[in-house]
Amino acid sequence: MRIDFVKEMRRFLPPATLRGTIETTAYWDYLTTVLQELGHKAIAAMGNQSND
């Protein structure tokens, strides 16, 4: 998944930005953590919806 993401981002970001962010392992770890947290929040919010 990471390789495909990097390939896709190469279409939109300049090389220096890629090297400093997207292509680093630390950024990938950060990104996946943030997305997991947001996913959990979204699921929790959907569970808290009423059927009005």
PDB file of N, CA and C in Angstrom:
ATOM      1  N   MET A   1       0.829  -1.182   0.000  1.00  0.00           N
ATOM      2  CA  MET A   1       0.000   0.000   0.000  1.00  0.00           C
ATOM      3  C   MET A   1       0.880   1.256   0.000  1.00  0.00           C
ATOM      4  N   ARG A   2       1.943   1.219   0.781  1.00  0.00           N
ATOM      5  CA  ARG A   2       2.821   2.397   0.871  1.00  0.00           C
ATOM      6  C   ARG A   2       3.432   2.726  -0.488  1.00  0.00           C
ATOM      7  N   ILE A   3       3.897   1.719  -1.185  1.00  0.00           N
ATOM      8  CA  ILE A   3       4.535   1.949  -2.485  1.00  0.00           C
ATOM      9  C   ILE A   3       3.555   2.592  -3.458  1.00  0.00           C
ATOM     10  N   ASP A   4       2.329   2.104  -3.487  1.00  0.00           N
ATOM     11  CA  ASP A   4       1.308   2.686  -4.368  1.00  0.00           C
ATOM     12  C   ASP A   4       1.003   4.127  -3.981  1.00  0.00           C
ATOM     13  N   PHE A   5       0.948   4.395  -2.680  1.00  0.00           N
ATOM     14  CA  PHE A   5       0.683   5.760  -2.209  1.00  0.00           C
ATOM     15  C   PHE A   5       1.799   6.704  -2.655  1.00  0.00           C
ATOM     16  N   VAL A   6       3.042   6.283  -2.480  1.00  0.00           N
ATOM     17  CA  VAL A   6       4.178   7.118  -2.885  1.00  0.00           C
ATOM     18  C   VAL A   6       4.142   7.372  -4.389  1.00  0.00           C
ATOM     19  N   LYS A   7       3.871   6.331  -5.159  1.00  0.00           N
ATOM     20  CA  LYS A   7       3.786   6.501  -6.618  1.00  0.00           C
ATOM     21  C   LYS A   7       2.728   7.528  -6.987  1.00  0.00           C
ATOM     22  N   GLU A   8       1.596   7.457  -6.342  1.00  0.00           N
ATOM     23  CA  GLU A   8       0.503   8.389  -6.645  1.00  0.00           C
ATOM     24  C   GLU A   8       0.870   9.815  -6.246  1.00  0.00           C
ATOM     25  N   MET A   9       1.500   9.964  -5.109  1.00  0.00           N
ATOM     26  CA  MET A   9       1.864  11.300  -4.640  1.00  0.00           C
ATOM     27  C   MET A   9       2.940  11.939  -5.508  1.00  0.00           C
ATOM     28  N   ARG A  10       3.733  11.144  -6.177  1.00  0.00           N
ATOM     29  CA  ARG A  10       4.756  11.680  -7.090  1.00  0.00           C
ATOM     30  C   ARG A  10       4.122  12.504  -8.207  1.00  0.00           C
ATOM     31  N   ARG A  11       2.898  12.223  -8.493  1.00  0.00           N
ATOM     32  CA  ARG A  11       2.192  12.983  -9.543  1.00  0.00           C
ATOM     33  C   ARG A  11       1.884  14.404  -9.100  1.00  0.00           C
ATOM     34  N   PHE A  12       1.809  14.638  -7.799  1.00  0.00           N
ATOM     35  CA  PHE A  12       1.323  15.917  -7.294  1.00  0.00           C
ATOM     36  C   PHE A  12       2.349  16.740  -6.525  1.00  0.00           C
ATOM     37  N   LEU A  13       3.362  16.096  -5.983  1.00  0.00           N
ATOM     38  CA  LEU A  13       4.297  16.796  -5.106  1.00  0.00           C
ATOM     39  C   LEU A  13       5.682  16.915  -5.731  1.00  0.00           C
ATOM     40  N   PRO A  14       6.366  18.023  -5.456  1.00  0.00           N
ATOM     41  CA  PRO A  14       7.725  18.169  -5.970  1.00  0.00           C
ATOM     42  C   PRO A  14       8.681  17.170  -5.294  1.00  0.00           C
ATOM     43  N   PRO A  15       9.764  16.803  -5.966  1.00  0.00           N
ATOM     44  CA  PRO A  15      10.703  15.814  -5.435  1.00  0.00           C
ATOM     45  C   PRO A  15      11.231  16.132  -4.028  1.00  0.00           C
ATOM     46  N   ALA A  16      11.532  17.386  -3.757  1.00  0.00           N
ATOM     47  CA  ALA A  16      12.062  17.743  -2.433  1.00  0.00           C
ATOM     48  C   ALA A  16      11.035  17.465  -1.342  1.00  0.00           C
ATOM     49  N   THR A  17       9.780  17.733  -1.617  1.00  0.00           N
ATOM     50  CA  THR A  17       8.714  17.467  -0.645  1.00  0.00           C
ATOM     51  C   THR A  17       8.578  15.966  -0.428  1.00  0.00           C
ATOM     52  N   LEU A  18       8.625  15.213  -1.489  1.00  0.00           N
ATOM     53  CA  LEU A  18       8.548  13.751  -1.374  1.00  0.00           C
ATOM     54  C   LEU A  18       9.669  13.203  -0.495  1.00  0.00           C
ATOM     55  N   ARG A  19      10.887  13.650  -0.761  1.00  0.00           N
ATOM     56  CA  ARG A  19      12.037  13.152   0.005  1.00  0.00           C
ATOM     57  C   ARG A  19      11.921  13.498   1.481  1.00  0.00           C
ATOM     58  N   GLY A  20      11.397  14.677   1.788  1.00  0.00           N
ATOM     59  CA  GLY A  20      11.326  15.119   3.172  1.00  0.00           C
ATOM     60  C   GLY A  20      10.117  14.618   3.937  1.00  0.00           C
ATOM     61  N   THR A  21       9.132  14.066   3.230  1.00  0.00           N
ATOM     62  CA  THR A  21       7.906  13.630   3.908  1.00  0.00           C
ATOM     63  C   THR A  21       7.477  12.247   3.447  1.00  0.00           C
ATOM     64  N   ILE A  22       6.790  12.191   2.357  1.00  0.00           N
ATOM     65  CA  ILE A  22       6.114  10.992   1.882  1.00  0.00           C
ATOM     66  C   ILE A  22       7.031   9.771   1.811  1.00  0.00           C
ATOM     67  N   GLU A  23       8.258   9.949   1.378  1.00  0.00           N
ATOM     68  CA  GLU A  23       9.154   8.811   1.188  1.00  0.00           C
ATOM     69  C   GLU A  23       9.838   8.341   2.472  1.00  0.00           C
ATOM     70  N   THR A  24       9.641   9.024   3.587  1.00  0.00           N
ATOM     71  CA  THR A  24      10.294   8.607   4.830  1.00  0.00           C
ATOM     72  C   THR A  24       9.405   7.644   5.616  1.00  0.00           C
ATOM     73  N   THR A  25      10.035   6.714   6.290  1.00  0.00           N
ATOM     74  CA  THR A  25       9.303   5.755   7.111  1.00  0.00           C
ATOM     75  C   THR A  25       8.575   6.464   8.249  1.00  0.00           C
ATOM     76  N   ALA A  26       9.204   7.472   8.828  1.00  0.00           N
ATOM     77  CA  ALA A  26       8.585   8.199   9.939  1.00  0.00           C
ATOM     78  C   ALA A  26       7.282   8.865   9.500  1.00  0.00           C
ATOM     79  N   TYR A  27       7.261   9.437   8.304  1.00  0.00           N
ATOM     80  CA  TYR A  27       6.032  10.065   7.819  1.00  0.00           C
ATOM     81  C   TYR A  27       4.949   9.016   7.601  1.00  0.00           C
ATOM     82  N   TRP A  28       5.314   7.875   7.040  1.00  0.00           N
ATOM     83  CA  TRP A  28       4.335   6.815   6.814  1.00  0.00           C
ATOM     84  C   TRP A  28       3.742   6.354   8.141  1.00  0.00           C
ATOM     85  N   ASP A  29       4.585   6.189   9.151  1.00  0.00           N
ATOM     86  CA  ASP A  29       4.097   5.803  10.482  1.00  0.00           C
ATOM     87  C   ASP A  29       3.122   6.846  11.021  1.00  0.00           C
ATOM     88  N   TYR A  30       3.492   8.119  10.884  1.00  0.00           N
ATOM     89  CA  TYR A  30       2.630   9.212  11.331  1.00  0.00           C
ATOM     90  C   TYR A  30       1.296   9.188  10.585  1.00  0.00           C
ATOM     91  N   LEU A  31       1.356   9.086   9.280  1.00  0.00           N
ATOM     92  CA  LEU A  31       0.151   9.122   8.453  1.00  0.00           C
ATOM     93  C   LEU A  31      -0.796   7.973   8.786  1.00  0.00           C
ATOM     94  N   THR A  32      -0.268   6.777   8.913  1.00  0.00           N
ATOM     95  CA  THR A  32      -1.142   5.640   9.207  1.00  0.00           C
ATOM     96  C   THR A  32      -1.750   5.741  10.606  1.00  0.00           C
ATOM     97  N   THR A  33      -1.000   6.300  11.547  1.00  0.00           N
ATOM     98  CA  THR A  33      -1.537   6.497  12.899  1.00  0.00           C
ATOM     99  C   THR A  33      -2.681   7.502  12.879  1.00  0.00           C
ATOM    100  N   VAL A  34      -2.480   8.614  12.196  1.00  0.00           N
ATOM    101  CA  VAL A  34      -3.524   9.641  12.109  1.00  0.00           C
ATOM    102  C   VAL A  34      -4.774   9.087  11.430  1.00  0.00           C
ATOM    103  N   LEU A  35      -4.602   8.359  10.356  1.00  0.00           N
ATOM    104  CA  LEU A  35      -5.756   7.809   9.642  1.00  0.00           C
ATOM    105  C   LEU A  35      -6.506   6.775  10.480  1.00  0.00           C
ATOM    106  N   GLN A  36      -5.766   5.970  11.221  1.00  0.00           N
ATOM    107  CA  GLN A  36      -6.424   5.011  12.113  1.00  0.00           C
ATOM    108  C   GLN A  36      -7.235   5.720  13.184  1.00  0.00           C
ATOM    109  N   GLU A  37      -6.662   6.766  13.775  1.00  0.00           N
ATOM    110  CA  GLU A  37      -7.371   7.521  14.805  1.00  0.00           C
ATOM    111  C   GLU A  37      -8.631   8.174  14.244  1.00  0.00           C
ATOM    112  N   LEU A  38      -8.511   8.758  13.057  1.00  0.00           N
ATOM    113  CA  LEU A  38      -9.683   9.380  12.432  1.00  0.00           C
ATOM    114  C   LEU A  38     -10.748   8.346  12.084  1.00  0.00           C
ATOM    115  N   GLY A  39     -10.316   7.198  11.633  1.00  0.00           N
ATOM    116  CA  GLY A  39     -11.262   6.124  11.328  1.00  0.00           C
ATOM    117  C   GLY A  39     -12.019   5.683  12.562  1.00  0.00           C
ATOM    118  N   HIS A  40     -11.308   5.527  13.677  1.00  0.00           N
ATOM    119  CA  HIS A  40     -11.958   5.135  14.932  1.00  0.00           C
ATOM    120  C   HIS A  40     -12.954   6.204  15.394  1.00  0.00           C
ATOM    121  N   LYS A  41     -12.572   7.470  15.253  1.00  0.00           N
ATOM    122  CA  LYS A  41     -13.478   8.566  15.635  1.00  0.00           C
ATOM    123  C   LYS A  41     -14.724   8.577  14.754  1.00  0.00           C
ATOM    124  N   ALA A  42     -14.541   8.332  13.463  1.00  0.00           N
ATOM    125  CA  ALA A  42     -15.681   8.327  12.543  1.00  0.00           C
ATOM    126  C   ALA A  42     -16.635   7.182  12.876  1.00  0.00           C
ATOM    127  N   ILE A  43     -16.087   6.023  13.162  1.00  0.00           N
ATOM    128  CA  ILE A  43     -16.928   4.875  13.519  1.00  0.00           C
ATOM    129  C   ILE A  43     -17.666   5.140  14.821  1.00  0.00           C
ATOM    130  N   ALA A  44     -16.969   5.730  15.783  1.00  0.00           N
ATOM    131  CA  ALA A  44     -17.604   6.046  17.066  1.00  0.00           C
ATOM    132  C   ALA A  44     -18.727   7.068  16.881  1.00  0.00           C
ATOM    133  N   ALA A  45     -18.483   8.076  16.042  1.00  0.00           N
ATOM    134  CA  ALA A  45     -19.496   9.100  15.788  1.00  0.00           C
ATOM    135  C   ALA A  45     -20.723   8.491  15.114  1.00  0.00           C
ATOM    136  N   MET A  46     -20.509   7.556  14.221  1.00  0.00           N
ATOM    137  CA  MET A  46     -21.642   6.915  13.554  1.00  0.00           C
ATOM    138  C   MET A  46     -22.442   6.073  14.532  1.00  0.00           C
ATOM    139  N   GLY A  47     -21.770   5.500  15.505  1.00  0.00           N
ATOM    140  CA  GLY A  47     -22.454   4.710  16.531  1.00  0.00           C
ATOM    141  C   GLY A  47     -23.255   5.580  17.484  1.00  0.00           C
ATOM    142  N   ASN A  48     -22.912   6.850  17.556  1.00  0.00           N
ATOM    143  CA  ASN A  48     -23.596   7.775  18.448  1.00  0.00           C
ATOM    144  C   ASN A  48     -24.747   8.508  17.774  1.00  0.00           C
ATOM    145  N   GLN A  49     -25.001   8.237  16.512  1.00  0.00           N
ATOM    146  CA  GLN A  49     -26.081   8.912  15.809  1.00  0.00           C
ATOM    147  C   GLN A  49     -27.414   8.322  16.220  1.00  0.00           C
ATOM    148  N   SER A  50     -28.389   9.196  16.321  1.00  0.00           N
ATOM    149  CA  SER A  50     -29.755   8.701  16.614  1.00  0.00           C
ATOM    150  C   SER A  50     -30.460   8.461  15.290  1.00  0.00           C
ATOM    151  N   ASN A  51     -31.517   7.713  15.338  1.00  0.00           N
ATOM    152  CA  ASN A  51     -32.292   7.403  14.127  1.00  0.00           C
ATOM    153  C   ASN A  51     -33.452   8.371  13.972  1.00  0.00           C
ATOM    154  N   ASP A  52     -33.180   9.663  14.106  1.00  0.00           N
ATOM    155  CA  ASP A  52     -34.239  10.682  13.977  1.00  0.00           C
ATOM    156  C   ASP A  52     -34.728  10.790  12.560  1.00  0.00           C
TER     157      ASP A  52
END
